[in-house]
Amino acid sequence: MNQAQIRKKFRDSEQAADRPRTTSDELAAWIAGHSAHLEPSDLEFLISVGRTLYAAEAEKRWRDAW
């Protein structure tokens, strides 16, 4: 799985090009670099963490926009 595929699992439809690099981007890059060595359950857990982190970042961007 590459970084773009992993990031797609984190988000629904937001375009990453419209915002600065975030912690969820870093996590996606790390997962992509290490996914071959991870157990499937660990990979799913990290993707779940990424989804939660991405949602928190999206909420912060929304709040900052107000």
C-alpha atoms as a PDB file:
ATOM      1  CA  MET A   1       0.000   0.000   0.000  1.00  0.00           C
ATOM      2  CA  ASN A   2       1.428   3.405  -0.891  1.00  0.00           C
ATOM      3  CA  GLN A   3       1.054   6.734   0.900  1.00  0.00           C
ATOM      4  CA  ALA A   4      -1.738   7.983  -1.375  1.00  0.00           C
ATOM      5  CA  GLN A   5      -3.791   4.842  -0.781  1.00  0.00           C
ATOM      6  CA  ILE A   6      -3.300   5.132   2.973  1.00  0.00           C
ATOM      7  CA  ARG A   7      -4.200   8.846   3.023  1.00  0.00           C
ATOM      8  CA  LYS A   8      -7.364   8.014   1.069  1.00  0.00           C
ATOM      9  CA  LYS A   9      -8.362   5.722   3.931  1.00  0.00           C
ATOM     10  CA  PHE A  10      -7.918   8.646   6.363  1.00  0.00           C
ATOM     11  CA  ARG A  11     -10.114  11.122   4.529  1.00  0.00           C
ATOM     12  CA  ASP A  12     -13.334  11.254   2.582  1.00  0.00           C
ATOM     13  CA  SER A  13     -12.893  13.864  -0.143  1.00  0.00           C
ATOM     14  CA  GLU A  14     -10.743  16.802   0.980  1.00  0.00           C
ATOM     15  CA  GLN A  15      -7.897  17.710  -1.355  1.00  0.00           C
ATOM     16  CA  ALA A  16      -4.522  17.459   0.397  1.00  0.00           C
ATOM     17  CA  ALA A  17      -2.975  20.024  -1.951  1.00  0.00           C
ATOM     18  CA  ASP A  18      -5.047  22.778  -0.326  1.00  0.00           C
ATOM     19  CA  ARG A  19      -3.389  22.507   3.063  1.00  0.00           C
ATOM     20  CA  PRO A  20       0.062  22.224   4.666  1.00  0.00           C
ATOM     21  CA  ARG A  21       1.644  18.889   5.574  1.00  0.00           C
ATOM     22  CA  THR A  22       0.197  17.553   8.832  1.00  0.00           C
ATOM     23  CA  THR A  23       0.852  14.845  11.376  1.00  0.00           C
ATOM     24  CA  SER A  24      -1.580  12.540   9.563  1.00  0.00           C
ATOM     25  CA  ASP A  25       0.493  13.054   6.387  1.00  0.00           C
ATOM     26  CA  GLU A  26       3.593  12.032   8.320  1.00  0.00           C
ATOM     27  CA  LEU A  27       1.808   8.976   9.712  1.00  0.00           C
ATOM     28  CA  ALA A  28       0.647   7.978   6.215  1.00  0.00           C
ATOM     29  CA  ALA A  29       4.227   8.257   4.939  1.00  0.00           C
ATOM     30  CA  TRP A  30       5.521   6.166   7.837  1.00  0.00           C
ATOM     31  CA  ILE A  31       2.863   3.484   7.322  1.00  0.00           C
ATOM     32  CA  ALA A  32       3.630   3.390   3.586  1.00  0.00           C
ATOM     33  CA  GLY A  33       7.313   2.892   4.315  1.00  0.00           C
ATOM     34  CA  HIS A  34       6.737   0.152   6.861  1.00  0.00           C
ATOM     35  CA  SER A  35       3.531  -1.560   5.712  1.00  0.00           C
ATOM     36  CA  ALA A  36       5.381  -4.568   4.293  1.00  0.00           C
ATOM     37  CA  HIS A  37       6.665  -5.347   7.794  1.00  0.00           C
ATOM     38  CA  LEU A  38       3.394  -4.813   9.673  1.00  0.00           C
ATOM     39  CA  GLU A  39       0.848  -7.429  10.632  1.00  0.00           C
ATOM     40  CA  PRO A  40      -2.574  -6.829   9.033  1.00  0.00           C
ATOM     41  CA  SER A  41      -4.132  -6.082  12.435  1.00  0.00           C
ATOM     42  CA  ASP A  42      -1.388  -3.544  13.209  1.00  0.00           C
ATOM     43  CA  LEU A  43      -1.888  -1.927   9.818  1.00  0.00           C
ATOM     44  CA  GLU A  44      -5.641  -1.616  10.393  1.00  0.00           C
ATOM     45  CA  PHE A  45      -5.016  -0.150  13.857  1.00  0.00           C
ATOM     46  CA  LEU A  46      -2.610   2.463  12.480  1.00  0.00           C
ATOM     47  CA  ILE A  47      -5.083   3.370   9.741  1.00  0.00           C
ATOM     48  CA  SER A  48      -7.756   3.782  12.426  1.00  0.00           C
ATOM     49  CA  VAL A  49      -5.418   6.082  14.363  1.00  0.00           C
ATOM     50  CA  GLY A  50      -4.788   8.008  11.150  1.00  0.00           C
ATOM     51  CA  ARG A  51      -8.512   8.463  10.556  1.00  0.00           C
ATOM     52  CA  THR A  52      -8.976   9.828  14.068  1.00  0.00           C
ATOM     53  CA  LEU A  53      -5.973  12.117  13.735  1.00  0.00           C
ATOM     54  CA  TYR A  54      -7.134  13.338  10.335  1.00  0.00           C
ATOM     55  CA  ALA A  55     -10.609  14.104  11.703  1.00  0.00           C
ATOM     56  CA  ALA A  56      -9.099  16.111  14.573  1.00  0.00           C
ATOM     57  CA  GLU A  57      -6.921  18.059  12.134  1.00  0.00           C
ATOM     58  CA  ALA A  58      -9.932  18.737   9.892  1.00  0.00           C
ATOM     59  CA  GLU A  59     -11.943  20.000  12.873  1.00  0.00           C
ATOM     60  CA  LYS A  60      -9.072  22.279  13.889  1.00  0.00           C
ATOM     61  CA  ARG A  61      -8.861  23.693  10.352  1.00  0.00           C
ATOM     62  CA  TRP A  62     -12.626  24.274  10.413  1.00  0.00           C
ATOM     63  CA  ARG A  63     -12.452  26.031  13.797  1.00  0.00           C
ATOM     64  CA  ASP A  64      -9.475  28.134  12.693  1.00  0.00           C
ATOM     65  CA  ALA A  65     -11.421  29.215   9.610  1.00  0.00           C
ATOM     66  CA  TRP A  66     -14.082  30.802  11.818  1.00  0.00           C
END
